[in-house]
Amino acid sequence: MTEVTFHFNVADPVEYAGRLARKAAGSGVKVVVTGDPGALERLDAELWTASATEFFPHCHAASAPPHVLQASPVLLSPSARGTPHHQVLVNLGGAVPEGFEKFERLNEVVSQQEDDRQQARARWKHYATRGYAIRRYDAVTREMG
């Protein structure tokens, strides 16, 4: 069953998702990041410019050829459904990502904005009523609950 972790009180969700993706992929894990097109474009730029000396391979799932998708450690996609990787999913979107149940781990990134927090509560309820164990990580206090 998918391990679900909510990362709350995130000041900049796109930057935070970039750090999660780099950390996971740096340990050899393949990552899919879902979200709206604007957030994914910002994340694309973040992954290119995170460091002047670091290139972080990634691609947009909708526009990459199959061999590039397989080789890329990080895929950016509006949907998790149909992606070749099933290890880690990072969700920047407001809805439950389609196909999340095929992943080993799901990281929900939640900003400090009230509307984002409300959407996160609905997603939490969705997972909880289906029996998923949920962990909570507070990005401000850095405490896992």
C-alpha atoms as a PDB file:
ATOM      1  CA  MET A   1       0.000   0.000   0.000  1.00  0.00           C
ATOM      2  CA  THR A   2       1.222   3.495  -0.844  1.00  0.00           C
ATOM      3  CA  GLU A   3       2.983   5.352   1.986  1.00  0.00           C
ATOM      4  CA  VAL A   4       1.443   8.857   2.180  1.00  0.00           C
ATOM      5  CA  THR A   5       3.236  11.837   3.739  1.00  0.00           C
ATOM      6  CA  PHE A   6       1.803  15.356   3.924  1.00  0.00           C
ATOM      7  CA  HIS A   7       4.414  18.123   4.045  1.00  0.00           C
ATOM      8  CA  PHE A   8       2.604  21.077   5.661  1.00  0.00           C
ATOM      9  CA  ASN A   9       3.471  24.763   6.097  1.00  0.00           C
ATOM     10  CA  VAL A  10       5.665  24.862   3.013  1.00  0.00           C
ATOM     11  CA  ALA A  11       6.646  28.443   2.164  1.00  0.00           C
ATOM     12  CA  ASP A  12       7.368  27.789  -1.535  1.00  0.00           C
ATOM     13  CA  PRO A  13       5.830  24.497  -2.718  1.00  0.00           C
ATOM     14  CA  VAL A  14       7.617  24.467  -6.083  1.00  0.00           C
ATOM     15  CA  GLU A  15      11.057  25.005  -4.562  1.00  0.00           C
ATOM     16  CA  TYR A  16      10.259  22.416  -1.881  1.00  0.00           C
ATOM     17  CA  ALA A  17       9.108  19.871  -4.478  1.00  0.00           C
ATOM     18  CA  GLY A  18      12.369  20.453  -6.321  1.00  0.00           C
ATOM     19  CA  ARG A  19      14.341  19.636  -3.189  1.00  0.00           C
ATOM     20  CA  LEU A  20      12.243  16.491  -2.577  1.00  0.00           C
ATOM     21  CA  ALA A  21      12.754  15.371  -6.179  1.00  0.00           C
ATOM     22  CA  ARG A  22      16.510  16.027  -6.147  1.00  0.00           C
ATOM     23  CA  LYS A  23      16.942  14.228  -2.831  1.00  0.00           C
ATOM     24  CA  ALA A  24      14.943  11.162  -3.904  1.00  0.00           C
ATOM     25  CA  ALA A  25      16.482  10.950  -7.363  1.00  0.00           C
ATOM     26  CA  GLY A  26      19.935  11.525  -5.881  1.00  0.00           C
ATOM     27  CA  SER A  27      19.479   8.307  -3.920  1.00  0.00           C
ATOM     28  CA  GLY A  28      18.574   6.398  -7.083  1.00  0.00           C
ATOM     29  CA  VAL A  29      14.782   6.617  -6.804  1.00  0.00           C
ATOM     30  CA  LYS A  30      12.665   7.643  -9.794  1.00  0.00           C
ATOM     31  CA  VAL A  31      10.177  10.470  -9.174  1.00  0.00           C
ATOM     32  CA  VAL A  32       7.022  11.782 -10.816  1.00  0.00           C
ATOM     33  CA  VAL A  33       5.851  15.298  -9.910  1.00  0.00           C
ATOM     34  CA  THR A  34       2.226  16.191 -10.635  1.00  0.00           C
ATOM     35  CA  GLY A  35       0.562  19.583 -10.559  1.00  0.00           C
ATOM     36  CA  ASP A  36      -0.972  22.273 -12.703  1.00  0.00           C
ATOM     37  CA  PRO A  37       0.965  23.379 -15.810  1.00  0.00           C
ATOM     38  CA  GLY A  38       2.119  26.646 -14.208  1.00  0.00           C
ATOM     39  CA  ALA A  39       3.626  24.881 -11.196  1.00  0.00           C
ATOM     40  CA  LEU A  40       5.318  22.314 -13.414  1.00  0.00           C
ATOM     41  CA  GLU A  41       6.840  25.050 -15.592  1.00  0.00           C
ATOM     42  CA  ARG A  42       8.193  26.767 -12.475  1.00  0.00           C
ATOM     43  CA  LEU A  43       9.591  23.458 -11.266  1.00  0.00           C
ATOM     44  CA  ASP A  44      11.192  22.853 -14.668  1.00  0.00           C
ATOM     45  CA  ALA A  45      13.004  26.189 -14.317  1.00  0.00           C
ATOM     46  CA  GLU A  46      13.891  25.396 -10.677  1.00  0.00           C
ATOM     47  CA  LEU A  47      15.503  22.100 -11.649  1.00  0.00           C
ATOM     48  CA  TRP A  48      17.565  23.836 -14.337  1.00  0.00           C
ATOM     49  CA  THR A  49      18.716  26.709 -12.133  1.00  0.00           C
ATOM     50  CA  ALA A  50      18.977  25.236  -8.621  1.00  0.00           C
ATOM     51  CA  SER A  51      22.757  25.431  -8.748  1.00  0.00           C
ATOM     52  CA  ALA A  52      25.205  26.925 -11.212  1.00  0.00           C
ATOM     53  CA  THR A  53      27.284  23.743 -11.108  1.00  0.00           C
ATOM     54  CA  GLU A  54      24.514  21.159 -11.028  1.00  0.00           C
ATOM     55  CA  PHE A  55      22.440  19.758 -13.877  1.00  0.00           C
ATOM     56  CA  PHE A  56      19.457  17.770 -12.733  1.00  0.00           C
ATOM     57  CA  PRO A  57      18.011  15.533 -15.472  1.00  0.00           C
ATOM     58  CA  HIS A  58      14.245  15.687 -15.835  1.00  0.00           C
ATOM     59  CA  CYS A  59      11.628  15.938 -18.551  1.00  0.00           C
ATOM     60  CA  HIS A  60       7.977  16.659 -19.237  1.00  0.00           C
ATOM     61  CA  ALA A  61       6.201  13.304 -19.545  1.00  0.00           C
ATOM     62  CA  ALA A  62       3.839  14.523 -22.264  1.00  0.00           C
ATOM     63  CA  SER A  63       6.561  15.641 -24.670  1.00  0.00           C
ATOM     64  CA  ALA A  64       9.437  13.215 -24.176  1.00  0.00           C
ATOM     65  CA  PRO A  65      10.040  10.111 -26.292  1.00  0.00           C
ATOM     66  CA  PRO A  66       9.708   6.756 -24.454  1.00  0.00           C
ATOM     67  CA  HIS A  67      13.476   6.173 -24.113  1.00  0.00           C
ATOM     68  CA  VAL A  68      13.906   9.605 -22.504  1.00  0.00           C
ATOM     69  CA  LEU A  69      11.019   8.930 -20.099  1.00  0.00           C
ATOM     70  CA  GLN A  70      12.621   5.673 -18.990  1.00  0.00           C
ATOM     71  CA  ALA A  71      16.037   7.292 -18.486  1.00  0.00           C
ATOM     72  CA  SER A  72      14.903  10.462 -16.689  1.00  0.00           C
ATOM     73  CA  PRO A  73      14.987  10.258 -12.906  1.00  0.00           C
ATOM     74  CA  VAL A  74      12.311  12.979 -12.598  1.00  0.00           C
ATOM     75  CA  LEU A  75       9.175  13.281 -14.709  1.00  0.00           C
ATOM     76  CA  LEU A  76       6.926  16.343 -14.645  1.00  0.00           C
ATOM     77  CA  SER A  77       3.338  15.459 -15.523  1.00  0.00           C
ATOM     78  CA  PRO A  78      -0.162  16.835 -14.924  1.00  0.00           C
ATOM     79  CA  SER A  79      -1.230  13.231 -14.161  1.00  0.00           C
ATOM     80  CA  ALA A  80       0.495  10.246 -12.558  1.00  0.00           C
ATOM     81  CA  ARG A  81      -1.525   7.862 -14.700  1.00  0.00           C
ATOM     82  CA  GLY A  82       0.480   6.194 -17.454  1.00  0.00           C
ATOM     83  CA  THR A  83       3.929   7.259 -16.279  1.00  0.00           C
ATOM     84  CA  PRO A  84       6.656   4.586 -16.367  1.00  0.00           C
ATOM     85  CA  HIS A  85       7.954   5.322 -12.839  1.00  0.00           C
ATOM     86  CA  HIS A  86       6.119   4.093  -9.725  1.00  0.00           C
ATOM     87  CA  GLN A  87       8.474   4.733  -6.834  1.00  0.00           C
ATOM     88  CA  VAL A  88       7.869   8.290  -5.571  1.00  0.00           C
ATOM     89  CA  LEU A  89       5.062  10.678  -6.477  1.00  0.00           C
ATOM     90  CA  VAL A  90       5.175  14.335  -5.412  1.00  0.00           C
ATOM     91  CA  ASN A  91       1.840  16.152  -5.704  1.00  0.00           C
ATOM     92  CA  LEU A  92       1.724  19.922  -6.130  1.00  0.00           C
ATOM     93  CA  GLY A  93      -1.911  19.839  -7.244  1.00  0.00           C
ATOM     94  CA  GLY A  94      -5.088  20.465  -5.308  1.00  0.00           C
ATOM     95  CA  ALA A  95      -6.737  17.144  -6.134  1.00  0.00           C
ATOM     96  CA  VAL A  96      -5.909  13.525  -5.372  1.00  0.00           C
ATOM     97  CA  PRO A  97      -3.556  12.526  -8.207  1.00  0.00           C
ATOM     98  CA  GLU A  98      -5.000   9.862 -10.495  1.00  0.00           C
ATOM     99  CA  GLY A  99      -3.000   6.655 -10.303  1.00  0.00           C
ATOM    100  CA  PHE A 100      -1.316   7.476  -6.962  1.00  0.00           C
ATOM    101  CA  GLU A 101      -2.061   3.969  -5.674  1.00  0.00           C
ATOM    102  CA  LYS A 102       0.540   2.495  -8.053  1.00  0.00           C
ATOM    103  CA  PHE A 103       3.362   4.362  -6.285  1.00  0.00           C
ATOM    104  CA  GLU A 104       5.397   3.176  -3.321  1.00  0.00           C
ATOM    105  CA  ARG A 105       5.342   6.664  -1.764  1.00  0.00           C
ATOM    106  CA  LEU A 106       3.239   9.774  -2.199  1.00  0.00           C
ATOM    107  CA  ASN A 107       4.396  13.164  -0.916  1.00  0.00           C
ATOM    108  CA  GLU A 108       1.679  15.812  -0.712  1.00  0.00           C
ATOM    109  CA  VAL A 109       3.141  19.335  -0.625  1.00  0.00           C
ATOM    110  CA  VAL A 110       0.895  21.859   1.149  1.00  0.00           C
ATOM    111  CA  SER A 111       1.570  25.590   1.341  1.00  0.00           C
ATOM    112  CA  GLN A 112       0.621  27.969   4.147  1.00  0.00           C
ATOM    113  CA  GLN A 113      -2.293  29.362   2.080  1.00  0.00           C
ATOM    114  CA  GLU A 114      -5.730  28.614   3.539  1.00  0.00           C
ATOM    115  CA  ASP A 115      -7.262  27.415   0.263  1.00  0.00           C
ATOM    116  CA  ASP A 116      -4.380  24.980  -0.239  1.00  0.00           C
ATOM    117  CA  ARG A 117      -4.776  23.749   3.334  1.00  0.00           C
ATOM    118  CA  GLN A 118      -8.518  23.156   2.761  1.00  0.00           C
ATOM    119  CA  GLN A 119      -7.803  21.105  -0.366  1.00  0.00           C
ATOM    120  CA  ALA A 120      -5.172  19.140   1.569  1.00  0.00           C
ATOM    121  CA  ARG A 121      -7.725  18.301   4.269  1.00  0.00           C
ATOM    122  CA  ALA A 122     -10.007  16.832   1.591  1.00  0.00           C
ATOM    123  CA  ARG A 123      -7.134  14.761   0.182  1.00  0.00           C
ATOM    124  CA  TRP A 124      -6.187  13.595   3.693  1.00  0.00           C
ATOM    125  CA  LYS A 125      -9.760  12.455   4.265  1.00  0.00           C
ATOM    126  CA  HIS A 126      -9.758  10.640   0.907  1.00  0.00           C
ATOM    127  CA  TYR A 127      -6.654   8.632   1.819  1.00  0.00           C
ATOM    128  CA  ALA A 128      -7.704   8.006   5.429  1.00  0.00           C
ATOM    129  CA  THR A 129     -11.141   6.646   4.505  1.00  0.00           C
ATOM    130  CA  ARG A 130      -9.433   4.186   2.150  1.00  0.00           C
ATOM    131  CA  GLY A 131      -7.137   2.892   4.890  1.00  0.00           C
ATOM    132  CA  TYR A 132      -3.858   4.549   3.930  1.00  0.00           C
ATOM    133  CA  ALA A 133      -1.488   5.244   6.806  1.00  0.00           C
ATOM    134  CA  ILE A 134      -0.668   8.941   6.724  1.00  0.00           C
ATOM    135  CA  ARG A 135       2.371  10.694   8.114  1.00  0.00           C
ATOM    136  CA  ARG A 136       2.597  14.419   8.702  1.00  0.00           C
ATOM    137  CA  TYR A 137       5.739  16.520   8.320  1.00  0.00           C
ATOM    138  CA  ASP A 138       5.728  20.164   9.402  1.00  0.00           C
ATOM    139  CA  ALA A 139       8.181  22.066   7.193  1.00  0.00           C
ATOM    140  CA  VAL A 140       8.448  24.930   9.701  1.00  0.00           C
ATOM    141  CA  THR A 141       9.175  22.933  12.855  1.00  0.00           C
ATOM    142  CA  ARG A 142      10.739  20.036  10.901  1.00  0.00           C
ATOM    143  CA  GLU A 143       8.811  17.573  13.007  1.00  0.00           C
ATOM    144  CA  MET A 144       7.374  14.311  11.767  1.00  0.00           C
ATOM    145  CA  GLY A 145       4.062  13.305  13.260  1.00  0.00           C
END
